[in-house]
Amino acid sequence: MKKVYVVVPAFLFVFASVCAQNDSASLPGDTIPIMQPDIKKEKPREVYKLNPGVDIPVTATGTIWSLYAFTKIYSKDPSNSETISALKKTDVNGFDRWAIRPYSKKLDDISYIPFYGSMPLPILFLFDNRMRKDIAKLSFLYLEAMSITGLLYTGSTYFTNRYRPYVYSEETPLDYRTRGGGKNSFYAGHVALVATSTFFMAQVYADYHPESKFKWVFYGIATAATGATAWWRLRGGQHFPSDIILGLTQGTLTGLLVPKLHKTRLIKNPNLSIIPFTGQTHGLAVRYKL
């Protein structure tokens, strides 16, 4: 199996400490004062930083538009039977044509399992001590990521009428082929939303626990959930491959990039170290472990 490694940019935070020793001889009876180090508990550095001037307008715009557009894209006027009956498989481009198949209610219903299951993922933040302290900030970032996906998905579906694959199949009942929702193929919203939610969760966990190997479990779950949703939507006659690819790409990038773009600087990278050296010259050596 081919392994794929994702290199995540990070910023180095260096802690400097200076220790002094007095090696000079002392006479008997001398009193040598012992200085107790002033140890202060360092406040954990914040992982993400919000920019209200940007984040609030972006989130508000995406949320308001999505709420409005969702009421419109699922109430499109139905197509007339003459138009639907005149459709031909050759009207579909060669890349997508093989995905034309009849509507499957069973696969349609199954595709909602990861869809609904991924929506409440921020609840998991409450089970981690560090993330629980930032629950308000993380919830807002999650809303921002989902609002961006909602804006892009509903915007494309609102302004575009692309027939779903099952509309081209004569095995699908005509009354179902003429439904207004049959014009919402572009692009795969279920896939995009699942990808955004699951990859957001995986990225947040990785940013809070960069040294934990358990983060790969979250990335694996995100990949599996997104892939399963994509497969069921494809096999159920809901979307063409190009719709799936676009939804998968947009959702994954949004889920990963929203946390990354808010990540504070000076976060320690466990693979990067700065080591002082001395000899004929003095300096610092930078080492990065692959």
C-alpha atoms as a PDB file:
ATOM      1  CA  MET A   1       0.000   0.000   0.000  1.00  0.00           C
ATOM      2  CA  LYS A   2       1.367   3.355  -0.937  1.00  0.00           C
ATOM      3  CA  LYS A   3       1.822   5.700   2.002  1.00  0.00           C
ATOM      4  CA  VAL A   4       1.042   9.345   1.629  1.00  0.00           C
ATOM      5  CA  TYR A   5       2.717  11.808   3.950  1.00  0.00           C
ATOM      6  CA  VAL A   6       1.290  15.266   4.411  1.00  0.00           C
ATOM      7  CA  VAL A   7       3.842  17.917   5.331  1.00  0.00           C
ATOM      8  CA  VAL A   8       2.176  20.556   7.469  1.00  0.00           C
ATOM      9  CA  PRO A   9       3.926  23.959   7.668  1.00  0.00           C
ATOM     10  CA  ALA A  10       4.661  25.022  11.255  1.00  0.00           C
ATOM     11  CA  PHE A  11       6.534  27.724  13.036  1.00  0.00           C
ATOM     12  CA  LEU A  12       9.381  27.193  15.514  1.00  0.00           C
ATOM     13  CA  PHE A  13       9.156  28.444  19.087  1.00  0.00           C
ATOM     14  CA  VAL A  14      12.550  28.447  20.902  1.00  0.00           C
ATOM     15  CA  PHE A  15      12.829  28.399  24.662  1.00  0.00           C
ATOM     16  CA  ALA A  16      16.200  29.849  25.822  1.00  0.00           C
ATOM     17  CA  SER A  17      17.672  29.221  29.280  1.00  0.00           C
ATOM     18  CA  VAL A  18      20.979  30.371  30.730  1.00  0.00           C
ATOM     19  CA  CYS A  19      22.725  28.424  33.496  1.00  0.00           C
ATOM     20  CA  ALA A  20      25.773  29.737  35.390  1.00  0.00           C
ATOM     21  CA  GLN A  21      28.174  27.796  37.556  1.00  0.00           C
ATOM     22  CA  ASN A  22      30.781  29.163  39.979  1.00  0.00           C
ATOM     23  CA  ASP A  23      33.824  26.860  39.841  1.00  0.00           C
ATOM     24  CA  SER A  24      36.074  29.049  41.977  1.00  0.00           C
ATOM     25  CA  ALA A  25      37.483  27.534  45.176  1.00  0.00           C
ATOM     26  CA  SER A  26      35.884  28.558  48.428  1.00  0.00           C
ATOM     27  CA  LEU A  27      37.519  28.865  51.832  1.00  0.00           C
ATOM     28  CA  PRO A  28      36.242  26.924  54.824  1.00  0.00           C
ATOM     29  CA  GLY A  29      33.614  28.822  56.642  1.00  0.00           C
ATOM     30  CA  ASP A  30      32.568  30.772  53.588  1.00  0.00           C
ATOM     31  CA  THR A  31      28.899  30.975  53.100  1.00  0.00           C
ATOM     32  CA  ILE A  32      27.804  30.396  49.575  1.00  0.00           C
ATOM     33  CA  PRO A  33      24.315  31.726  48.923  1.00  0.00           C
ATOM     34  CA  ILE A  34      22.152  29.356  46.965  1.00  0.00           C
ATOM     35  CA  MET A  35      19.858  31.102  44.539  1.00  0.00           C
ATOM     36  CA  GLN A  36      16.561  29.343  44.034  1.00  0.00           C
ATOM     37  CA  PRO A  37      15.463  29.491  40.406  1.00  0.00           C
ATOM     38  CA  ASP A  38      12.382  31.560  39.762  1.00  0.00           C
ATOM     39  CA  ILE A  39      10.173  29.019  38.112  1.00  0.00           C
ATOM     40  CA  LYS A  40       6.999  30.335  36.605  1.00  0.00           C
ATOM     41  CA  LYS A  41       4.377  28.183  35.084  1.00  0.00           C
ATOM     42  CA  GLU A  42       4.135  29.180  31.458  1.00  0.00           C
ATOM     43  CA  LYS A  43       0.679  29.814  30.098  1.00  0.00           C
ATOM     44  CA  PRO A  44      -0.110  27.480  27.182  1.00  0.00           C
ATOM     45  CA  ARG A  45       0.226  29.307  23.926  1.00  0.00           C
ATOM     46  CA  GLU A  46      -2.998  29.708  21.960  1.00  0.00           C
ATOM     47  CA  VAL A  47      -3.148  27.506  18.888  1.00  0.00           C
ATOM     48  CA  TYR A  48      -5.537  29.620  16.810  1.00  0.00           C
ATOM     49  CA  LYS A  49      -6.111  33.325  16.620  1.00  0.00           C
ATOM     50  CA  LEU A  50      -9.243  34.916  15.206  1.00  0.00           C
ATOM     51  CA  ASN A  51      -9.412  38.081  13.138  1.00  0.00           C
ATOM     52  CA  PRO A  52     -12.896  39.425  13.910  1.00  0.00           C
ATOM     53  CA  GLY A  53     -12.733  42.008  11.134  1.00  0.00           C
ATOM     54  CA  VAL A  54     -12.465  39.198   8.584  1.00  0.00           C
ATOM     55  CA  ASP A  55     -13.902  36.107  10.249  1.00  0.00           C
ATOM     56  CA  ILE A  56     -17.224  37.586  11.352  1.00  0.00           C
ATOM     57  CA  PRO A  57     -18.202  39.024   7.927  1.00  0.00           C
ATOM     58  CA  VAL A  58     -17.105  35.845   6.133  1.00  0.00           C
ATOM     59  CA  THR A  59     -19.015  33.576   8.518  1.00  0.00           C
ATOM     60  CA  ALA A  60     -22.116  35.789   8.577  1.00  0.00           C
ATOM     61  CA  THR A  61     -22.233  36.070   4.784  1.00  0.00           C
ATOM     62  CA  GLY A  62     -21.781  32.339   4.250  1.00  0.00           C
ATOM     63  CA  THR A  63     -24.349  31.414   6.886  1.00  0.00           C
ATOM     64  CA  ILE A  64     -27.034  33.867   5.775  1.00  0.00           C
ATOM     65  CA  TRP A  65     -26.638  32.996   2.102  1.00  0.00           C
ATOM     66  CA  SER A  66     -26.654  29.254   2.783  1.00  0.00           C
ATOM     67  CA  LEU A  67     -29.832  29.455   4.844  1.00  0.00           C
ATOM     68  CA  TYR A  68     -31.517  31.382   2.051  1.00  0.00           C
ATOM     69  CA  ALA A  69     -30.180  29.319  -0.851  1.00  0.00           C
ATOM     70  CA  PHE A  70     -31.043  25.965   0.734  1.00  0.00           C
ATOM     71  CA  THR A  71     -34.715  26.934   0.657  1.00  0.00           C
ATOM     72  CA  LYS A  72     -34.409  27.694  -3.062  1.00  0.00           C
ATOM     73  CA  ILE A  73     -32.322  24.854  -4.471  1.00  0.00           C
ATOM     74  CA  TYR A  74     -34.645  22.233  -3.001  1.00  0.00           C
ATOM     75  CA  SER A  75     -37.776  23.915  -4.299  1.00  0.00           C
ATOM     76  CA  LYS A  76     -36.864  24.337  -7.964  1.00  0.00           C
ATOM     77  CA  ASP A  77     -39.647  24.064 -10.467  1.00  0.00           C
ATOM     78  CA  PRO A  78     -40.059  20.541 -11.868  1.00  0.00           C
ATOM     79  CA  SER A  79     -39.074  19.795 -15.437  1.00  0.00           C
ATOM     80  CA  ASN A  80     -41.735  18.901 -17.999  1.00  0.00           C
ATOM     81  CA  SER A  81     -41.928  15.304 -19.141  1.00  0.00           C
ATOM     82  CA  GLU A  82     -41.252  16.167 -22.787  1.00  0.00           C
ATOM     83  CA  THR A  83     -37.908  17.749 -21.941  1.00  0.00           C
ATOM     84  CA  ILE A  84     -36.839  14.843 -19.763  1.00  0.00           C
ATOM     85  CA  SER A  85     -37.917  12.209 -22.293  1.00  0.00           C
ATOM     86  CA  ALA A  86     -35.871  13.955 -24.976  1.00  0.00           C
ATOM     87  CA  LEU A  87     -32.633  13.712 -22.956  1.00  0.00           C
ATOM     88  CA  LYS A  88     -29.969  11.373 -24.358  1.00  0.00           C
ATOM     89  CA  LYS A  89     -26.952   9.785 -22.721  1.00  0.00           C
ATOM     90  CA  THR A  90     -24.795  11.210 -25.494  1.00  0.00           C
ATOM     91  CA  ASP A  91     -25.636  14.676 -24.160  1.00  0.00           C
ATOM     92  CA  VAL A  92     -23.294  13.904 -21.240  1.00  0.00           C
ATOM     93  CA  ASN A  93     -19.541  14.291 -21.711  1.00  0.00           C
ATOM     94  CA  GLY A  94     -17.479  11.123 -22.050  1.00  0.00           C
ATOM     95  CA  PHE A  95     -15.781  11.472 -18.657  1.00  0.00           C
ATOM     96  CA  ASP A  96     -19.088  11.439 -16.786  1.00  0.00           C
ATOM     97  CA  ARG A  97     -21.255   9.299 -19.054  1.00  0.00           C
ATOM     98  CA  TRP A  98     -20.410   5.950 -17.460  1.00  0.00           C
ATOM     99  CA  ALA A  99     -21.957   7.128 -14.173  1.00  0.00           C
ATOM    100  CA  ILE A 100     -25.484   7.284 -15.614  1.00  0.00           C
ATOM    101  CA  ARG A 101     -27.564   4.805 -13.634  1.00  0.00           C
ATOM    102  CA  PRO A 102     -31.085   4.567 -12.170  1.00  0.00           C
ATOM    103  CA  TYR A 103     -31.950   6.173  -8.872  1.00  0.00           C
ATOM    104  CA  SER A 104     -31.317   3.978  -5.829  1.00  0.00           C
ATOM    105  CA  LYS A 105     -33.264   4.954  -2.728  1.00  0.00           C
ATOM    106  CA  LYS A 106     -31.297   2.453  -0.649  1.00  0.00           C
ATOM    107  CA  LEU A 107     -27.929   4.011  -1.490  1.00  0.00           C
ATOM    108  CA  ASP A 108     -29.385   7.493  -1.194  1.00  0.00           C
ATOM    109  CA  ASP A 109     -30.511   6.726   2.364  1.00  0.00           C
ATOM    110  CA  ILE A 110     -27.172   5.123   3.285  1.00  0.00           C
ATOM    111  CA  SER A 111     -25.258   8.206   2.093  1.00  0.00           C
ATOM    112  CA  TYR A 112     -26.970  10.229   4.823  1.00  0.00           C
ATOM    113  CA  ILE A 113     -25.347   8.156   7.575  1.00  0.00           C
ATOM    114  CA  PRO A 114     -21.883   9.808   7.355  1.00  0.00           C
ATOM    115  CA  PHE A 115     -23.558  13.074   6.393  1.00  0.00           C
ATOM    116  CA  TYR A 116     -25.575  13.380   9.610  1.00  0.00           C
ATOM    117  CA  GLY A 117     -22.871  11.657  11.650  1.00  0.00           C
ATOM    118  CA  SER A 118     -20.223  14.219  10.733  1.00  0.00           C
ATOM    119  CA  MET A 119     -22.271  17.321  11.549  1.00  0.00           C
ATOM    120  CA  PRO A 120     -21.989  17.209  15.389  1.00  0.00           C
ATOM    121  CA  LEU A 121     -18.248  16.489  15.421  1.00  0.00           C
ATOM    122  CA  PRO A 122     -17.352  19.608  17.484  1.00  0.00           C
ATOM    123  CA  ILE A 123     -18.836  17.744  20.472  1.00  0.00           C
ATOM    124  CA  LEU A 124     -15.594  15.748  20.482  1.00  0.00           C
ATOM    125  CA  PHE A 125     -13.721  18.914  21.422  1.00  0.00           C
ATOM    126  CA  LEU A 126     -15.274  18.629  24.889  1.00  0.00           C
ATOM    127  CA  PHE A 127     -13.439  15.362  25.564  1.00  0.00           C
ATOM    128  CA  ASP A 128      -9.987  16.921  25.233  1.00  0.00           C
ATOM    129  CA  ASN A 129      -8.646  19.129  28.039  1.00  0.00           C
ATOM    130  CA  ARG A 130      -6.839  21.575  25.773  1.00  0.00           C
ATOM    131  CA  MET A 131      -9.533  21.842  23.131  1.00  0.00           C
ATOM    132  CA  ARG A 132     -12.295  22.108  25.722  1.00  0.00           C
ATOM    133  CA  LYS A 133     -10.795  25.376  26.982  1.00  0.00           C
ATOM    134  CA  ASP A 134     -11.078  26.805  23.451  1.00  0.00           C
ATOM    135  CA  ILE A 135     -14.508  25.371  22.692  1.00  0.00           C
ATOM    136  CA  ALA A 136     -16.017  28.764  21.807  1.00  0.00           C
ATOM    137  CA  LYS A 137     -13.209  29.603  19.385  1.00  0.00           C
ATOM    138  CA  LEU A 138     -13.191  26.139  17.808  1.00  0.00           C
ATOM    139  CA  SER A 139     -16.971  26.149  17.402  1.00  0.00           C
ATOM    140  CA  PHE A 140     -16.781  29.493  15.623  1.00  0.00           C
ATOM    141  CA  LEU A 141     -14.031  28.242  13.302  1.00  0.00           C
ATOM    142  CA  TYR A 142     -16.123  25.171  12.555  1.00  0.00           C
ATOM    143  CA  LEU A 143     -19.100  27.356  11.710  1.00  0.00           C
ATOM    144  CA  GLU A 144     -16.867  29.467   9.481  1.00  0.00           C
ATOM    145  CA  ALA A 145     -15.589  26.414   7.603  1.00  0.00           C
ATOM    146  CA  MET A 146     -19.081  25.004   7.118  1.00  0.00           C
ATOM    147  CA  SER A 147     -20.470  28.387   6.065  1.00  0.00           C
ATOM    148  CA  ILE A 148     -17.781  28.693   3.390  1.00  0.00           C
ATOM    149  CA  THR A 149     -18.649  25.262   2.018  1.00  0.00           C
ATOM    150  CA  GLY A 150     -22.347  26.097   2.236  1.00  0.00           C
ATOM    151  CA  LEU A 151     -21.802  29.340   0.347  1.00  0.00           C
ATOM    152  CA  LEU A 152     -19.816  27.689  -2.445  1.00  0.00           C
ATOM    153  CA  TYR A 153     -22.073  24.650  -2.775  1.00  0.00           C
ATOM    154  CA  THR A 154     -25.448  26.396  -2.656  1.00  0.00           C
ATOM    155  CA  GLY A 155     -24.145  29.188  -4.884  1.00  0.00           C
ATOM    156  CA  SER A 156     -23.156  26.729  -7.604  1.00  0.00           C
ATOM    157  CA  THR A 157     -26.422  24.792  -7.339  1.00  0.00           C
ATOM    158  CA  TYR A 158     -28.523  27.954  -7.160  1.00  0.00           C
ATOM    159  CA  PHE A 159     -27.125  29.392 -10.386  1.00  0.00           C
ATOM    160  CA  THR A 160     -26.653  26.106 -12.247  1.00  0.00           C
ATOM    161  CA  ASN A 161     -29.142  23.493 -13.430  1.00  0.00           C
ATOM    162  CA  ARG A 162     -27.385  20.233 -14.165  1.00  0.00           C
ATOM    163  CA  TYR A 163     -29.457  17.081 -14.369  1.00  0.00           C
ATOM    164  CA  ARG A 164     -28.473  14.273 -12.055  1.00  0.00           C
ATOM    165  CA  PRO A 165     -27.315  10.988 -13.615  1.00  0.00           C
ATOM    166  CA  TYR A 166     -30.552   9.184 -12.745  1.00  0.00           C
ATOM    167  CA  VAL A 167     -32.513  11.698 -14.843  1.00  0.00           C
ATOM    168  CA  TYR A 168     -30.856  10.269 -17.970  1.00  0.00           C
ATOM    169  CA  SER A 169     -31.792   6.704 -17.019  1.00  0.00           C
ATOM    170  CA  GLU A 170     -35.088   5.389 -18.391  1.00  0.00           C
ATOM    171  CA  GLU A 171     -35.139   2.870 -15.544  1.00  0.00           C
ATOM    172  CA  THR A 172     -35.898   5.715 -13.142  1.00  0.00           C
ATOM    173  CA  PRO A 173     -39.643   6.456 -12.891  1.00  0.00           C
ATOM    174  CA  LEU A 174     -40.563   9.488 -14.997  1.00  0.00           C
ATOM    175  CA  ASP A 175     -42.261  11.289 -12.124  1.00  0.00           C
ATOM    176  CA  TYR A 176     -38.992  11.125 -10.185  1.00  0.00           C
ATOM    177  CA  ARG A 177     -36.893  12.223 -13.163  1.00  0.00           C
ATOM    178  CA  THR A 178     -38.963  15.390 -13.510  1.00  0.00           C
ATOM    179  CA  ARG A 179     -38.472  16.500  -9.896  1.00  0.00           C
ATOM    180  CA  GLY A 180     -36.944  19.955  -9.366  1.00  0.00           C
ATOM    181  CA  GLY A 181     -34.245  18.358  -7.242  1.00  0.00           C
ATOM    182  CA  GLY A 182     -33.138  16.394 -10.285  1.00  0.00           C
ATOM    183  CA  LYS A 183     -31.400  19.565 -11.506  1.00  0.00           C
ATOM    184  CA  ASN A 184     -29.033  19.760  -8.525  1.00  0.00           C
ATOM    185  CA  SER A 185     -26.191  17.571  -9.710  1.00  0.00           C
ATOM    186  CA  PHE A 186     -23.529  20.296  -9.716  1.00  0.00           C
ATOM    187  CA  TYR A 187     -21.826  19.843  -7.412  1.00  0.00           C
ATOM    188  CA  ALA A 188     -21.713  17.115  -4.712  1.00  0.00           C
ATOM    189  CA  GLY A 189     -22.812  18.971  -1.584  1.00  0.00           C
ATOM    190  CA  HIS A 190     -23.036  15.934   0.696  1.00  0.00           C
ATOM    191  CA  VAL A 191     -19.457  15.010  -0.131  1.00  0.00           C
ATOM    192  CA  ALA A 192     -18.226  18.582   0.342  1.00  0.00           C
ATOM    193  CA  LEU A 193     -19.904  18.987   3.743  1.00  0.00           C
ATOM    194  CA  VAL A 194     -18.685  15.628   5.073  1.00  0.00           C
ATOM    195  CA  ALA A 195     -15.148  16.410   3.898  1.00  0.00           C
ATOM    196  CA  THR A 196     -15.204  19.866   5.479  1.00  0.00           C
ATOM    197  CA  SER A 197     -16.460  18.584   8.823  1.00  0.00           C
ATOM    198  CA  THR A 198     -14.220  15.532   9.166  1.00  0.00           C
ATOM    199  CA  PHE A 199     -11.003  17.053   7.846  1.00  0.00           C
ATOM    200  CA  PHE A 200     -11.561  20.130  10.012  1.00  0.00           C
ATOM    201  CA  MET A 201     -11.743  17.882  13.065  1.00  0.00           C
ATOM    202  CA  ALA A 202      -8.627  15.972  12.010  1.00  0.00           C
ATOM    203  CA  GLN A 203      -6.628  19.147  11.404  1.00  0.00           C
ATOM    204  CA  VAL A 204      -7.649  20.715  14.716  1.00  0.00           C
ATOM    205  CA  TYR A 205      -6.637  17.609  16.642  1.00  0.00           C
ATOM    206  CA  ALA A 206      -3.297  17.514  14.813  1.00  0.00           C
ATOM    207  CA  ASP A 207      -2.640  21.183  15.606  1.00  0.00           C
ATOM    208  CA  TYR A 208      -3.372  20.698  19.302  1.00  0.00           C
ATOM    209  CA  HIS A 209      -1.455  17.418  19.491  1.00  0.00           C
ATOM    210  CA  PRO A 210       1.270  17.609  16.806  1.00  0.00           C
ATOM    211  CA  GLU A 211       3.320  14.803  18.388  1.00  0.00           C
ATOM    212  CA  SER A 212       0.429  12.390  18.767  1.00  0.00           C
ATOM    213  CA  LYS A 213       0.281   9.464  16.362  1.00  0.00           C
ATOM    214  CA  PHE A 214      -3.441   9.230  17.072  1.00  0.00           C
ATOM    215  CA  LYS A 215      -3.974  12.189  14.738  1.00  0.00           C
ATOM    216  CA  TRP A 216      -3.620   9.792  11.802  1.00  0.00           C
ATOM    217  CA  VAL A 217      -6.715   7.983  13.054  1.00  0.00           C
ATOM    218  CA  PHE A 218      -8.712  11.187  12.585  1.00  0.00           C
ATOM    219  CA  TYR A 219      -7.282  11.719   9.109  1.00  0.00           C
ATOM    220  CA  GLY A 220      -8.149   8.104   8.316  1.00  0.00           C
ATOM    221  CA  ILE A 221     -11.723   8.536   9.548  1.00  0.00           C
ATOM    222  CA  ALA A 222     -12.065  11.725   7.485  1.00  0.00           C
ATOM    223  CA  THR A 223     -10.813   9.959   4.366  1.00  0.00           C
ATOM    224  CA  ALA A 224     -13.055   6.935   4.900  1.00  0.00           C
ATOM    225  CA  ALA A 225     -16.193   8.977   5.647  1.00  0.00           C
ATOM    226  CA  THR A 226     -15.664  11.278   2.670  1.00  0.00           C
ATOM    227  CA  GLY A 227     -14.818   8.422   0.329  1.00  0.00           C
ATOM    228  CA  ALA A 228     -17.829   6.365   1.413  1.00  0.00           C
ATOM    229  CA  THR A 229     -20.170   9.307   0.943  1.00  0.00           C
ATOM    230  CA  ALA A 230     -18.722   9.977  -2.507  1.00  0.00           C
ATOM    231  CA  TRP A 231     -19.103   6.336  -3.539  1.00  0.00           C
ATOM    232  CA  TRP A 232     -22.710   6.030  -2.356  1.00  0.00           C
ATOM    233  CA  ARG A 233     -23.736   9.303  -4.010  1.00  0.00           C
ATOM    234  CA  LEU A 234     -22.109   8.150  -7.244  1.00  0.00           C
ATOM    235  CA  ARG A 235     -23.604   4.671  -7.201  1.00  0.00           C
ATOM    236  CA  GLY A 236     -27.014   6.012  -6.201  1.00  0.00           C
ATOM    237  CA  GLY A 237     -27.230   8.040  -9.413  1.00  0.00           C
ATOM    238  CA  GLN A 238     -27.037  11.370  -7.581  1.00  0.00           C
ATOM    239  CA  HIS A 239     -23.840  12.865  -9.018  1.00  0.00           C
ATOM    240  CA  PHE A 240     -21.396  12.545 -11.887  1.00  0.00           C
ATOM    241  CA  PRO A 241     -17.689  11.924 -11.223  1.00  0.00           C
ATOM    242  CA  SER A 242     -16.813  15.554 -11.967  1.00  0.00           C
ATOM    243  CA  ASP A 243     -19.375  16.662  -9.354  1.00  0.00           C
ATOM    244  CA  ILE A 244     -17.852  14.268  -6.833  1.00  0.00           C
ATOM    245  CA  ILE A 245     -14.276  15.356  -7.507  1.00  0.00           C
ATOM    246  CA  LEU A 246     -15.119  19.022  -7.144  1.00  0.00           C
ATOM    247  CA  GLY A 247     -17.090  18.485  -3.935  1.00  0.00           C
ATOM    248  CA  LEU A 248     -14.371  16.297  -2.440  1.00  0.00           C
ATOM    249  CA  THR A 249     -11.611  18.763  -3.320  1.00  0.00           C
ATOM    250  CA  GLN A 250     -13.435  21.870  -2.142  1.00  0.00           C
ATOM    251  CA  GLY A 251     -14.605  20.296   1.111  1.00  0.00           C
ATOM    252  CA  THR A 252     -11.216  18.832   1.990  1.00  0.00           C
ATOM    253  CA  LEU A 253      -9.338  22.053   1.287  1.00  0.00           C
ATOM    254  CA  THR A 254     -11.805  24.124   3.303  1.00  0.00           C
ATOM    255  CA  GLY A 255     -11.659  21.731   6.249  1.00  0.00           C
ATOM    256  CA  LEU A 256      -7.856  21.832   6.286  1.00  0.00           C
ATOM    257  CA  LEU A 257      -7.186  25.449   5.381  1.00  0.00           C
ATOM    258  CA  VAL A 258      -9.576  27.231   7.748  1.00  0.00           C
ATOM    259  CA  PRO A 259      -7.672  25.962  10.823  1.00  0.00           C
ATOM    260  CA  LYS A 260      -4.297  26.438   9.127  1.00  0.00           C
ATOM    261  CA  LEU A 261      -4.960  30.048   8.191  1.00  0.00           C
ATOM    262  CA  HIS A 262      -5.851  30.835  11.816  1.00  0.00           C
ATOM    263  CA  LYS A 263      -2.887  29.039  13.338  1.00  0.00           C
ATOM    264  CA  THR A 264      -0.749  31.282  15.517  1.00  0.00           C
ATOM    265  CA  ARG A 265       2.932  31.650  14.894  1.00  0.00           C
ATOM    266  CA  LEU A 266       5.709  30.271  17.004  1.00  0.00           C
ATOM    267  CA  ILE A 267       4.105  26.871  17.394  1.00  0.00           C
ATOM    268  CA  LYS A 268       6.736  24.283  18.182  1.00  0.00           C
ATOM    269  CA  ASN A 269       7.476  21.800  15.443  1.00  0.00           C
ATOM    270  CA  PRO A 270       8.754  18.520  16.958  1.00  0.00           C
ATOM    271  CA  ASN A 271      10.692  17.728  13.775  1.00  0.00           C
ATOM    272  CA  LEU A 272      12.581  21.021  13.753  1.00  0.00           C
ATOM    273  CA  SER A 273      15.318  21.863  16.235  1.00  0.00           C
ATOM    274  CA  ILE A 274      18.008  24.515  16.671  1.00  0.00           C
ATOM    275  CA  ILE A 275      21.208  23.255  18.307  1.00  0.00           C
ATOM    276  CA  PRO A 276      24.058  25.514  19.541  1.00  0.00           C
ATOM    277  CA  PHE A 277      27.602  24.399  18.697  1.00  0.00           C
ATOM    278  CA  THR A 278      31.051  25.547  19.793  1.00  0.00           C
ATOM    279  CA  GLY A 279      34.645  24.879  18.802  1.00  0.00           C
ATOM    280  CA  GLN A 280      36.743  26.942  16.494  1.00  0.00           C
ATOM    281  CA  THR A 281      33.571  28.875  15.825  1.00  0.00           C
ATOM    282  CA  HIS A 282      30.305  29.374  17.621  1.00  0.00           C
ATOM    283  CA  GLY A 283      26.830  29.341  16.211  1.00  0.00           C
ATOM    284  CA  LEU A 284      23.506  27.555  15.802  1.00  0.00           C
ATOM    285  CA  ALA A 285      22.737  24.504  13.681  1.00  0.00           C
ATOM    286  CA  VAL A 286      19.242  23.957  12.297  1.00  0.00           C
ATOM    287  CA  ARG A 287      18.128  20.330  12.017  1.00  0.00           C
ATOM    288  CA  TYR A 288      14.911  19.047  10.450  1.00  0.00           C
ATOM    289  CA  LYS A 289      13.952  15.377  10.888  1.00  0.00           C
ATOM    290  CA  LEU A 290      12.064  13.852   7.955  1.00  0.00           C
END
